[in-house]
Protein backbone atom coordinates (compact mmCIF):
# COMPACT_ATOMS: atom_id res chain seq x y z
CA UNK A 1 3.18 13.51 -23.08
CA UNK A 2 3.02 10.39 -20.87
CA UNK A 3 -0.56 11.20 -19.90
CA UNK A 4 -1.49 11.68 -23.56
CA UNK A 5 0.15 8.37 -24.52
CA UNK A 6 -1.56 6.57 -21.65
CA UNK A 7 -4.96 7.99 -22.62
CA UNK A 8 -4.38 7.01 -26.27
CA UNK A 9 -3.37 3.48 -25.22
CA UNK A 10 -6.44 3.24 -22.97
CA UNK A 11 -8.69 4.36 -25.87
CA UNK A 12 -7.10 1.81 -28.21
CA UNK A 13 -7.51 -0.86 -25.56
CA UNK A 14 -11.16 0.08 -25.07
CA UNK A 15 -11.77 -0.15 -28.81
CA UNK A 16 -10.03 -3.53 -28.85
CA UNK A 17 -12.08 -4.71 -25.88
CA UNK A 18 -15.29 -3.51 -27.51
CA UNK A 19 -14.46 -5.47 -30.63
CA UNK A 20 -13.71 -8.56 -28.53
CA UNK A 21 -16.82 -8.01 -26.39
CA UNK A 22 -19.08 -8.21 -29.40
CA UNK A 23 -21.04 -11.44 -28.90
CA UNK A 24 -20.46 -12.42 -32.52
CA UNK A 25 -16.99 -13.21 -33.80
CA UNK A 26 -18.04 -12.68 -37.39
CA UNK A 27 -18.80 -16.29 -38.22
CA UNK A 28 -21.88 -16.53 -36.02
CA UNK A 29 -19.95 -17.90 -33.05
CA UNK A 30 -19.42 -16.35 -29.64
CA UNK A 31 -16.24 -14.41 -28.84
CA UNK A 32 -14.41 -15.84 -25.82
CA UNK A 33 -11.81 -14.45 -23.44
CA UNK A 34 -8.56 -16.43 -23.03
CA UNK A 35 -10.14 -17.96 -19.91
CA UNK A 36 -12.76 -19.59 -22.16
CA UNK A 37 -15.58 -17.44 -20.79
CA UNK A 38 -17.70 -15.27 -23.07
CA UNK A 39 -16.70 -11.60 -23.12
CA UNK A 40 -19.11 -9.18 -21.48
CA UNK A 41 -21.21 -7.26 -23.95
CA UNK A 42 -20.01 -3.70 -23.32
CA UNK A 43 -23.18 -2.32 -24.87
CA UNK A 44 -25.15 -4.02 -22.07
CA UNK A 45 -22.88 -2.34 -19.53
CA UNK A 46 -23.26 1.08 -21.13
CA UNK A 47 -27.04 0.63 -21.40
CA UNK A 48 -27.26 -0.41 -17.76
CA UNK A 49 -25.69 2.89 -16.73
CA UNK A 50 -28.12 4.79 -18.93
CA UNK A 51 -31.09 2.79 -17.60
CA UNK A 52 -29.97 2.14 -14.03
CA UNK A 53 -33.40 0.92 -12.95
CA UNK A 54 -34.16 -1.13 -16.04
CA UNK A 55 -35.85 -4.36 -15.08
CA UNK A 56 -34.75 -6.08 -18.29
CA UNK A 57 -31.08 -6.06 -17.19
CA UNK A 58 -29.81 -9.32 -15.78
CA UNK A 59 -26.90 -9.41 -13.34
CA UNK A 60 -25.24 -12.15 -15.37
CA UNK A 61 -25.02 -9.64 -18.22
CA UNK A 62 -22.68 -7.53 -16.09
CA UNK A 63 -20.88 -10.04 -13.85
CA UNK A 64 -18.74 -12.75 -15.36
CA UNK A 65 -16.73 -15.20 -13.31
CA UNK A 66 -13.55 -16.21 -15.11
CA UNK A 67 -12.15 -18.56 -12.52
CA UNK A 68 -9.95 -18.61 -9.44
CA UNK A 69 -6.77 -16.66 -8.76
CA UNK A 70 -4.27 -17.48 -6.01
CA UNK A 71 -4.22 -14.55 -3.58
CA UNK A 72 -2.49 -16.36 -0.71
CA UNK A 73 0.73 -14.24 -0.75
CA UNK A 74 -1.26 -11.02 -0.84
CA UNK A 75 -3.60 -12.24 1.90
CA UNK A 76 -0.64 -13.21 4.09
CA UNK A 77 0.95 -9.79 3.65
CA UNK A 78 -2.28 -8.02 4.59
CA UNK A 79 -3.00 -10.32 7.54
CA UNK A 80 0.51 -9.69 8.90
CA UNK A 81 -0.73 -6.22 9.91
CA UNK A 82 -4.40 -6.54 10.92
CA UNK A 83 -4.67 -2.75 11.30
CA UNK A 84 -3.18 -1.86 7.91
CA UNK A 85 -6.53 -0.52 6.72
CA UNK A 86 -7.04 1.86 9.60
CA UNK A 87 -6.45 5.53 8.89
CA UNK A 88 -4.01 5.71 11.81
CA UNK A 89 -1.87 2.95 10.25
CA UNK A 90 -1.67 4.86 6.97
CA UNK A 91 -0.84 8.26 8.51
CA UNK A 92 2.46 9.52 7.15
CA UNK A 93 2.93 6.36 5.06
CA UNK A 94 0.19 6.51 2.41
CA UNK A 95 -1.28 9.51 0.63
CA UNK A 96 -4.69 10.51 1.90
CA UNK A 97 -7.52 11.09 -0.54
CA UNK A 98 -9.70 13.89 0.75
CA UNK A 99 -13.39 14.48 0.14
CA UNK A 100 -14.38 10.81 0.40
CA UNK A 101 -15.69 10.60 3.98
CA UNK A 102 -19.27 11.60 3.12
CA UNK A 103 -19.40 9.04 0.32
CA UNK A 104 -17.95 6.31 2.52
CA UNK A 105 -20.32 7.09 5.40
CA UNK A 106 -23.35 7.09 3.09
CA UNK A 107 -22.63 4.03 0.94
CA UNK A 108 -20.01 2.07 2.87
CA UNK A 109 -20.68 2.62 6.57
CA UNK A 110 -18.02 1.08 8.79
CA UNK A 111 -15.74 0.19 5.88
CA UNK A 112 -12.10 1.29 5.96
CA UNK A 113 -10.15 1.58 2.74
CA UNK A 114 -6.60 1.71 1.49
CA UNK A 115 -6.12 3.50 -1.82
CA UNK A 116 -3.41 2.06 -4.02
CA UNK A 117 -4.33 3.82 -7.27
CA UNK A 118 -7.04 6.36 -7.93
CA UNK A 119 -8.18 8.23 -11.02
CA UNK A 120 -9.87 11.52 -11.62
CA UNK A 121 -13.62 11.57 -12.39
CA UNK A 122 -13.09 10.85 -16.09
CA UNK A 123 -10.42 8.18 -15.62
CA UNK A 124 -7.81 10.08 -17.62
CA UNK A 125 -5.43 10.93 -14.77
CA UNK A 126 -4.33 8.03 -12.59
CA UNK A 127 -2.30 8.42 -9.41
CA UNK A 128 -0.27 5.71 -7.66
CA UNK A 129 -0.24 5.89 -3.88
CA UNK A 130 2.74 4.85 -1.71
CA UNK A 131 0.93 1.72 -0.48
CA UNK A 132 0.87 0.45 -4.08
CA UNK A 133 4.65 0.24 -3.88
CA UNK A 134 4.44 -1.33 -0.42
CA UNK A 135 2.25 -4.19 -1.71
CA UNK A 136 3.40 -4.27 -5.34
CA UNK A 137 5.33 -7.55 -5.11
CA UNK A 138 2.22 -9.32 -3.76
CA UNK A 139 -0.26 -7.44 -5.98
CA UNK A 140 1.40 -7.94 -9.35
CA UNK A 141 1.04 -11.75 -9.44
CA UNK A 142 -2.70 -11.29 -8.79
CA UNK A 143 -3.10 -8.55 -11.39
CA UNK A 144 -1.06 -10.52 -13.92
CA UNK A 145 -3.11 -13.67 -13.33
CA UNK A 146 -6.36 -11.79 -13.85
CA UNK A 147 -5.40 -9.33 -16.57
CA UNK A 148 -2.97 -11.47 -18.57
CA UNK A 149 -4.19 -14.95 -17.77
CA UNK A 150 -7.94 -14.37 -17.88
CA UNK A 151 -8.22 -11.40 -20.24
CA UNK A 152 -5.08 -11.66 -22.38
CA UNK A 153 -3.94 -8.10 -21.62
CA UNK A 154 -0.18 -7.78 -22.07
CA UNK A 155 0.43 -4.79 -19.78
CA UNK A 156 -2.07 -4.82 -16.90
CA UNK A 157 -0.90 -1.54 -15.40
CA UNK A 158 -1.94 0.33 -18.55
CA UNK A 159 -5.54 -0.63 -17.73
CA UNK A 160 -5.83 -0.02 -14.00
CA UNK A 161 -7.66 3.20 -13.14
CA UNK A 162 -8.58 2.54 -9.52
CA UNK A 163 -7.21 -0.04 -7.13
CA UNK A 164 -8.04 -0.22 -3.45
CA UNK A 165 -8.61 -2.52 -0.52
CA UNK A 166 -12.00 -2.26 1.19
CA UNK A 167 -11.75 -3.59 4.73
CA UNK A 168 -15.04 -4.80 6.13
CA UNK A 169 -15.14 -4.21 9.88
CA UNK A 170 -17.75 -6.01 12.04
CA UNK A 171 -21.26 -4.68 11.24
CA UNK A 172 -20.01 -2.71 8.24
CA UNK A 173 -21.90 -2.65 4.96
CA UNK A 174 -21.37 -1.84 1.33
CA UNK A 175 -24.77 -0.64 0.23
CA UNK A 176 -26.12 -0.84 -3.30
CA UNK A 177 -24.97 2.23 -5.16
CA UNK A 178 -24.14 3.43 -8.65
CA UNK A 179 -20.70 4.88 -9.26
CA UNK A 180 -20.51 7.72 -11.74
CA UNK A 181 -17.93 9.21 -14.05
CA UNK A 182 -16.03 8.32 -17.19
CA UNK A 183 -13.86 5.87 -15.26
CA UNK A 184 -16.98 3.74 -14.64
CA UNK A 185 -18.06 3.62 -18.26
CA UNK A 186 -14.60 2.80 -19.58
CA UNK A 187 -13.46 0.33 -16.94
CA UNK A 188 -14.31 -3.10 -15.61
CA UNK A 189 -14.45 -4.11 -11.97
CA UNK A 190 -12.15 -6.93 -11.02
């Protein structure tokens, strides 16, 4: 029942976001997020996935900067353990997500990651990992600032499908790639 309620809330939220993302607010004006920045046109995002190589797409159609967020407490917590991202530091403390090594090696060579939340392919099932709890007190002010402050979303955790730290080691890269699945089409990257 919880999963069904969560999926229904996510669908309602998506419908609400799509209404707010419409460039017109009905009186010819532009619809703005609480941060004062124009909402992304979700149709442009959906079309960009359908036409991944389309030359008519502009990056500014898909990337919107809403302002700064104070991450100093979270940064301090992460810097207190410089090896927190290493697999050996997570062993026995954080759940391990299998089947990702090939993807990481191909698209993110040299990058270590810490999964805090992860969804299934469609984005319907979301799992919290133990390290979410470990960093929750430092994460929530950041998520609240972004989701509530910039987007006006009352309950940020009802909208998070995937949450992770990507740790860039020397000479590592995150190569251009296209993520796939329902979670991509129904979510925003923050």
